[in-house]
Amino acid sequence: MTQLDMSKFKPIPGFDSLKWKQERQAKIYEETKNMTPEQRRERLRQVVERDEQRRAERERRIAAGDPTVPVFTMQ
């Protein structure tokens, strides 16, 4: 795996990545704080499965030439 050169990524004006990360972590904590370890594992499995399906659909649309799919590139 290669290390990304972060200088190639342009910042998004008005987006506070630290605030976003903290908010996301707090949301996940609230969703999982009363779950058993088994329930947390199942939740994680479902999240991974959902994300894999989304990624596959996005790749299918890109391969089909769908112009509405945002394609992110490094500058």
Protein backbone atom coordinates (compact mmCIF):
# COMPACT_ATOMS: atom_id res chain seq x y z
CA MET A 1 0.00 0.00 0.00
CA THR A 2 1.27 3.46 -0.80
CA GLN A 3 0.99 6.46 1.45
CA LEU A 4 -1.30 9.18 0.11
CA ASP A 5 0.16 12.60 -0.52
CA MET A 6 -2.41 14.68 1.33
CA SER A 7 -1.22 17.85 -0.41
CA LYS A 8 -3.05 16.59 -3.53
CA PHE A 9 -6.42 16.90 -1.82
CA LYS A 10 -8.09 20.29 -1.80
CA PRO A 11 -9.93 21.26 1.40
CA ILE A 12 -13.70 21.62 1.24
CA PRO A 13 -14.59 25.20 2.24
CA GLY A 14 -16.65 25.30 5.43
CA PHE A 15 -16.18 21.60 6.23
CA ASP A 16 -14.77 20.91 9.68
CA SER A 17 -13.46 17.34 9.50
CA LEU A 18 -12.68 17.12 13.22
CA LYS A 19 -16.20 18.23 14.13
CA TRP A 20 -17.65 15.73 11.62
CA LYS A 21 -15.52 12.91 13.08
CA GLN A 22 -16.56 13.72 16.66
CA GLU A 23 -20.24 13.95 15.74
CA ARG A 24 -20.07 10.63 13.86
CA GLN A 25 -18.32 8.93 16.78
CA ALA A 26 -20.94 10.25 19.23
CA LYS A 27 -23.76 8.99 16.99
CA ILE A 28 -22.21 5.51 16.73
CA TYR A 29 -21.64 5.42 20.49
CA GLU A 30 -25.29 6.30 21.16
CA GLU A 31 -26.46 3.64 18.70
CA THR A 32 -24.29 0.91 20.20
CA LYS A 33 -23.84 1.71 23.89
CA ASN A 34 -26.46 -0.76 25.08
CA MET A 35 -25.60 -3.53 22.62
CA THR A 36 -23.95 -6.79 23.52
CA PRO A 37 -20.66 -7.64 21.79
CA GLU A 38 -22.60 -10.01 19.53
CA GLN A 39 -25.04 -7.26 18.55
CA ARG A 40 -22.17 -4.87 17.79
CA ARG A 41 -20.53 -7.50 15.58
CA GLU A 42 -23.80 -8.04 13.71
CA ARG A 43 -24.25 -4.29 13.27
CA LEU A 44 -20.73 -4.01 11.88
CA ARG A 45 -21.36 -6.94 9.52
CA GLN A 46 -24.51 -5.21 8.23
CA VAL A 47 -22.72 -1.89 7.75
CA VAL A 48 -19.89 -3.55 5.81
CA GLU A 49 -22.38 -5.46 3.64
CA ARG A 50 -24.36 -2.29 2.91
CA ASP A 51 -21.21 -0.36 2.02
CA GLU A 52 -20.00 -3.14 -0.27
CA GLN A 53 -23.36 -3.08 -2.09
CA ARG A 54 -23.19 0.71 -2.46
CA ARG A 55 -19.62 0.53 -3.76
CA ALA A 56 -20.53 -2.18 -6.29
CA GLU A 57 -23.51 -0.16 -7.52
CA ARG A 58 -21.37 2.97 -7.85
CA GLU A 59 -18.70 1.07 -9.79
CA ARG A 60 -21.40 -0.44 -12.05
CA ARG A 61 -22.78 3.04 -12.80
CA ILE A 62 -19.31 4.44 -13.51
CA ALA A 63 -18.53 1.53 -15.85
CA ALA A 64 -21.84 2.15 -17.65
CA GLY A 65 -20.82 5.77 -18.20
CA ASP A 66 -23.44 7.31 -15.91
CA PRO A 67 -22.55 11.04 -15.91
CA THR A 68 -24.46 11.67 -12.67
CA VAL A 69 -21.98 9.69 -10.55
CA PRO A 70 -19.46 12.02 -8.90
CA VAL A 71 -15.94 10.80 -9.56
CA PHE A 72 -13.34 12.05 -7.10
CA THR A 73 -9.85 12.65 -8.37
CA MET A 74 -6.71 13.95 -6.74
CA GLN A 75 -5.56 17.32 -8.04
